[in-house]
Protein backbone atom coordinates (compact mmCIF):
# COMPACT_ATOMS: atom_id res chain seq x y z
CA MET A 1 66.39 -18.41 -99.24
CA HIS A 2 67.27 -21.45 -97.07
CA LYS A 3 64.62 -23.48 -95.25
CA LEU A 4 66.32 -23.64 -92.04
CA VAL A 5 65.41 -20.10 -91.13
CA LEU A 6 62.17 -19.97 -93.00
CA PHE A 7 61.01 -23.47 -92.07
CA GLY A 8 57.63 -22.59 -93.63
CA LEU A 9 56.13 -20.90 -90.59
CA LEU A 10 52.92 -19.81 -92.28
CA PHE A 11 50.79 -21.24 -89.43
CA ALA A 12 47.14 -21.79 -90.19
CA ALA A 13 45.20 -19.55 -87.92
CA GLN A 14 41.89 -20.72 -86.49
CA LEU A 15 41.15 -19.16 -83.26
CA GLY A 16 37.67 -20.55 -83.67
CA ALA A 17 34.81 -19.66 -81.36
CA ALA A 18 36.48 -20.22 -78.01
CA ASP A 19 35.60 -17.53 -75.45
CA PRO A 20 38.75 -15.35 -74.70
CA ARG A 21 37.46 -14.71 -71.19
CA ILE A 22 37.55 -18.29 -69.99
CA GLY A 23 39.24 -18.42 -66.58
CA SER A 24 38.63 -17.11 -63.05
CA TRP A 25 38.50 -13.30 -62.29
CA THR A 26 38.52 -11.08 -59.23
CA LEU A 27 36.96 -7.51 -59.39
CA ILE A 28 39.42 -4.60 -59.06
CA SER A 29 37.02 -2.47 -57.00
CA ALA A 30 39.32 0.69 -57.07
CA GLN A 31 38.90 0.86 -60.81
CA SER A 32 35.20 -0.04 -60.97
CA SER A 33 31.76 1.27 -60.23
CA LEU A 34 30.76 -2.01 -58.67
CA ASP A 35 31.46 -2.62 -55.10
CA PRO A 36 32.12 -4.77 -53.06
CA PRO A 37 34.55 -7.00 -55.14
CA ASN A 38 32.81 -9.89 -56.84
CA LYS A 39 34.24 -13.12 -58.31
CA LEU A 40 33.84 -14.08 -61.98
CA SER A 41 34.18 -17.58 -63.34
CA ILE A 42 33.93 -18.45 -66.98
CA THR A 43 34.38 -22.14 -68.06
CA ARG A 44 33.96 -24.11 -71.15
CA LEU A 45 30.95 -26.63 -71.19
CA HIS A 46 30.94 -28.58 -74.54
CA ASP A 47 30.05 -25.89 -77.18
CA GLU A 48 28.81 -23.30 -74.56
CA VAL A 49 30.33 -21.23 -71.70
CA HIS A 50 29.17 -21.41 -68.10
CA VAL A 51 29.34 -17.93 -66.41
CA VAL A 52 29.05 -17.51 -62.59
CA ILE A 53 29.32 -14.22 -60.81
CA SER A 54 29.34 -14.54 -57.12
CA GLY A 55 29.73 -12.18 -54.11
CA GLU A 56 26.97 -9.87 -52.73
CA THR A 57 24.87 -10.76 -55.85
CA HIS A 58 24.75 -14.08 -57.71
CA LEU A 59 24.35 -14.67 -61.41
CA ASP A 60 24.58 -18.06 -63.02
CA PHE A 61 23.88 -18.92 -66.68
CA THR A 62 25.14 -21.12 -69.73
CA ALA A 63 24.99 -19.74 -73.27
CA LYS A 64 26.57 -20.39 -76.70
CA LEU A 65 29.08 -17.80 -78.08
CA ASN A 66 27.42 -17.76 -81.55
CA GLY A 67 25.41 -14.54 -81.62
CA HIS A 68 22.08 -16.41 -81.18
CA GLU A 69 19.65 -15.66 -78.34
CA GLY A 70 19.41 -18.32 -75.61
CA SER A 71 17.06 -18.85 -72.64
CA VAL A 72 18.44 -18.13 -69.21
CA PRO A 73 16.02 -19.24 -66.58
CA GLY A 74 16.12 -18.41 -62.92
CA ASN A 75 17.61 -14.93 -63.35
CA PRO A 76 15.35 -11.99 -62.08
CA ALA A 77 16.96 -9.32 -64.21
CA PHE A 78 16.79 -11.07 -67.58
CA ASN A 79 15.63 -14.35 -69.05
CA GLN A 80 17.33 -14.21 -72.52
CA ILE A 81 20.98 -13.60 -73.41
CA GLU A 82 22.98 -13.26 -76.56
CA LEU A 83 26.70 -13.66 -76.72
CA ARG A 84 28.76 -12.68 -79.74
CA ARG A 85 32.57 -12.79 -80.15
CA ILE A 86 33.76 -9.57 -81.82
CA ASP A 87 37.37 -10.62 -82.16
CA LYS A 88 40.03 -12.47 -80.07
CA TYR A 89 39.95 -9.84 -77.42
CA GLN A 90 36.36 -8.80 -77.26
CA VAL A 91 32.80 -10.25 -76.61
CA GLU A 92 29.40 -8.60 -76.72
CA ILE A 93 26.72 -9.66 -74.35
CA LYS A 94 23.03 -8.55 -74.81
CA GLN A 95 20.53 -9.21 -71.89
CA GLU A 96 16.81 -9.24 -72.50
CA LYS A 97 13.70 -9.55 -70.40
CA ASP A 98 10.80 -11.07 -72.23
CA GLY A 99 12.14 -9.82 -75.61
CA VAL A 100 13.11 -6.35 -74.53
CA LEU A 101 16.68 -5.34 -74.25
CA VAL A 102 17.76 -4.69 -70.64
CA ALA A 103 21.48 -4.16 -70.99
CA THR A 104 24.36 -4.49 -73.56
CA ILE A 105 27.79 -5.40 -72.12
CA HIS A 106 31.03 -5.02 -73.89
CA ASP A 107 33.86 -7.25 -72.48
CA LYS A 108 37.36 -6.38 -73.71
CA LEU A 109 40.45 -8.46 -72.70
CA SER A 110 43.85 -6.73 -72.21
CA ARG A 111 46.66 -7.82 -74.73
CA ASN A 112 48.31 -9.98 -71.99
CA ALA A 113 45.01 -11.58 -71.36
CA ASN A 114 45.25 -10.78 -67.52
CA GLU A 115 42.73 -7.98 -67.20
CA LEU A 116 39.14 -7.80 -68.35
CA THR A 117 37.17 -4.64 -68.73
CA SER A 118 33.33 -4.83 -68.90
CA THR A 119 31.38 -1.76 -69.99
CA THR A 120 27.52 -2.12 -69.26
CA SER A 121 25.15 0.17 -71.15
CA GLN A 122 21.48 0.68 -70.16
CA THR A 123 18.97 3.14 -71.57
CA GLY A 124 18.62 6.25 -69.25
CA ARG A 125 21.73 5.32 -67.14
CA ALA A 126 25.33 6.22 -67.21
CA ASP A 127 27.66 3.38 -68.37
CA LYS A 128 29.04 1.04 -65.67
CA ILE A 129 32.66 -0.02 -65.97
CA THR A 130 33.92 -2.86 -64.03
CA VAL A 131 37.58 -4.10 -64.24
CA TRP A 132 38.60 -7.79 -63.44
CA THR A 133 42.05 -9.25 -62.96
CA ARG A 134 42.78 -12.91 -63.71
CA THR A 135 43.35 -15.22 -60.88
CA GLY A 136 43.12 -18.60 -62.56
CA GLY A 137 42.87 -20.28 -65.96
CA LYS A 138 46.02 -18.67 -67.26
CA LYS A 139 46.23 -18.85 -71.01
CA VAL A 140 48.38 -21.83 -72.22
CA ALA A 141 51.08 -21.62 -74.79
CA ASN A 142 48.92 -22.45 -77.71
CA ASP A 143 46.76 -19.43 -76.86
CA LEU A 144 49.75 -17.19 -76.14
CA PHE A 145 51.48 -17.79 -79.50
CA ALA A 146 48.17 -17.96 -81.47
CA GLY A 147 47.51 -14.99 -83.84
CA GLU A 148 49.07 -13.40 -86.87
CA TRP A 149 52.51 -12.18 -86.87
CA THR A 150 54.65 -10.20 -89.30
CA GLU A 151 58.49 -9.75 -89.36
CA ASP A 152 59.75 -6.46 -87.82
CA LEU A 153 62.22 -5.40 -90.38
CA SER A 154 63.58 -2.75 -88.17
CA LYS A 155 64.73 -5.20 -85.71
CA THR A 156 65.73 -8.10 -87.98
CA GLN A 157 68.85 -8.44 -89.94
CA LEU A 158 67.52 -11.19 -92.19
CA ARG A 159 64.76 -9.16 -93.88
CA GLN A 160 62.55 -11.55 -95.72
CA GLY A 161 59.04 -10.10 -94.92
CA ILE A 162 57.87 -13.38 -93.27
CA ALA A 163 54.19 -13.46 -92.17
CA LEU A 164 53.38 -16.02 -89.49
CA LYS A 165 50.04 -17.38 -88.38
CA VAL A 166 49.50 -19.89 -85.46
CA GLU A 167 46.61 -22.26 -84.87
CA ALA A 168 45.82 -23.72 -81.47
CA ASP A 169 45.30 -27.53 -81.79
CA GLY A 170 43.32 -28.99 -78.91
CA LYS A 171 44.64 -29.02 -75.37
CA ASP A 172 48.21 -27.62 -75.13
CA GLY A 173 48.87 -28.27 -78.88
CA VAL A 174 49.77 -26.28 -82.02
CA ARG A 175 49.48 -26.79 -85.73
CA PHE A 176 52.11 -25.43 -88.03
CA SER A 177 51.77 -25.43 -91.85
CA GLY A 178 53.72 -23.92 -94.72
CA ASP A 179 56.80 -25.18 -96.47
CA PHE A 180 56.32 -28.08 -94.12
CA SER A 181 53.83 -28.78 -91.51
CA TYR A 182 53.15 -30.70 -88.26
CA SER A 183 50.79 -30.88 -85.15
CA ALA A 184 52.54 -31.21 -81.80
CA ARG A 185 52.08 -30.70 -78.10
CA PHE A 186 54.45 -29.14 -75.55
CA ASP A 187 55.25 -32.40 -73.96
CA GLY A 188 58.84 -33.03 -75.18
CA LYS A 189 57.84 -35.98 -77.42
CA GLU A 190 58.78 -36.29 -81.09
CA TYR A 191 56.20 -35.48 -83.69
CA ASP A 192 56.41 -36.14 -87.37
CA LEU A 193 57.01 -33.44 -89.95
CA LYS A 194 55.55 -33.39 -93.43
CA ASN A 195 57.29 -32.14 -96.51
CA SER A 196 60.46 -31.20 -94.53
CA THR A 197 64.10 -32.01 -94.89
CA ASN A 198 63.88 -32.89 -91.08
CA ASP A 199 61.97 -35.88 -89.76
CA THR A 200 60.58 -34.92 -86.41
CA VAL A 201 60.10 -31.83 -84.06
CA THR A 202 59.96 -31.62 -80.30
CA LEU A 203 58.28 -28.76 -78.44
CA GLN A 204 59.04 -27.91 -74.88
CA LEU A 205 57.34 -25.19 -72.83
CA VAL A 206 60.13 -23.38 -70.86
CA ASP A 207 57.85 -20.84 -69.21
CA ALA A 208 54.55 -19.06 -69.92
CA HIS A 209 56.29 -17.00 -72.69
CA THR A 210 59.03 -19.26 -73.96
CA VAL A 211 58.94 -22.41 -76.26
CA ASP A 212 61.93 -24.48 -77.36
CA SER A 213 61.69 -26.56 -80.45
CA ILE A 214 64.18 -29.24 -81.57
CA TYR A 215 64.30 -30.78 -85.10
CA ARG A 216 65.80 -34.10 -85.97
CA ARG A 217 66.92 -35.90 -89.18
CA ASP A 218 68.06 -39.42 -89.03
CA ASP A 219 67.97 -39.33 -85.36
CA GLN A 220 70.49 -36.44 -85.29
CA ILE A 221 69.54 -32.97 -83.96
CA THR A 222 69.74 -30.52 -86.87
CA GLN A 223 68.11 -27.42 -85.72
CA ARG A 224 67.09 -25.69 -82.33
CA ASP A 225 64.71 -22.83 -82.02
CA ARG A 226 63.65 -20.64 -79.06
CA TRP A 227 60.39 -18.63 -79.38
CA VAL A 228 59.91 -15.91 -76.73
CA VAL A 229 56.79 -13.78 -76.56
CA SER A 230 57.07 -10.45 -74.80
CA ALA A 231 55.29 -9.74 -71.62
CA ASP A 232 52.58 -7.71 -73.30
CA GLY A 233 52.17 -10.41 -75.88
CA THR A 234 52.82 -8.11 -78.90
CA GLU A 235 56.31 -9.11 -79.91
CA MET A 236 57.83 -12.54 -80.55
CA THR A 237 61.58 -13.28 -80.99
CA LEU A 238 62.78 -16.17 -82.80
CA THR A 239 66.44 -17.47 -82.26
CA THR A 240 67.24 -20.35 -84.55
CA SER A 241 70.54 -22.30 -85.02
CA GLY A 242 71.52 -25.55 -86.70
CA THR A 243 73.08 -27.26 -89.70
CA LEU A 244 71.96 -27.09 -93.30
CA GLU A 245 71.98 -30.26 -95.52
CA THR A 246 75.17 -28.81 -97.07
CA GLY A 247 76.88 -28.95 -93.56
CA GLN A 248 76.78 -25.15 -93.29
CA GLN A 249 76.31 -23.89 -89.69
CA ILE A 250 73.94 -21.13 -89.27
CA LYS A 251 72.42 -18.91 -86.46
CA GLU A 252 69.76 -16.30 -86.95
CA THR A 253 67.46 -13.98 -84.87
CA MET A 254 64.11 -12.56 -86.06
CA VAL A 255 61.54 -10.40 -84.38
CA PHE A 256 57.86 -10.50 -85.23
CA ARG A 257 55.04 -8.18 -84.29
CA LYS A 258 51.33 -9.38 -83.55
CA GLN A 259 48.86 -7.89 -85.84
């Protein structure tokens, strides 16, 4: 089992408490019970998120995504809120007025992170569904590639049952660990490798779904990889080529599915 193809890609996953809804959104009124269209903005503010809904109505609050109740002054409908991240695609919001539950909102992000569906439940009322489309704050590569991946043996000639995990590391960065490890950004600069037969790696973002990585040993390029994530974000194809320490030339393609 040669390390050129495996190269230890057991990425340490830590999606953390980041809100998957961060970005700018516009309501799709044709698919929603709320009309006219409103604007939704969710931004990171230290360890909290700042939420602003504007249009015919206006709502503005800041809260932590930790499942604990927080005060929301200045909003007539509710004065307490609780945000809880269910998983990397879903968030639950509970709105309360003086300790009494007013509404429960279930936000679910599409797999490609471009559509957000909110289902609002209130006692004695039919559920209200609103659908938003992303207009800003596109997911960066470290979010796009983040997750747990397993090798699709039906589409891969080299059947080694590899499982991958990816961790986002700060702004536009990723952290890989396994047989060897490194932390790097998508900036074309060289970053050191640990416990590897190669010395450095360079990452370059080709487009929103494609990353090129180049490995060097003794200032010579030894390996080139291209990672391509499908449009729906569920499949990732790795094409790797290079030279083993024995001088053998090799080229392989592997396909992974996001879990």
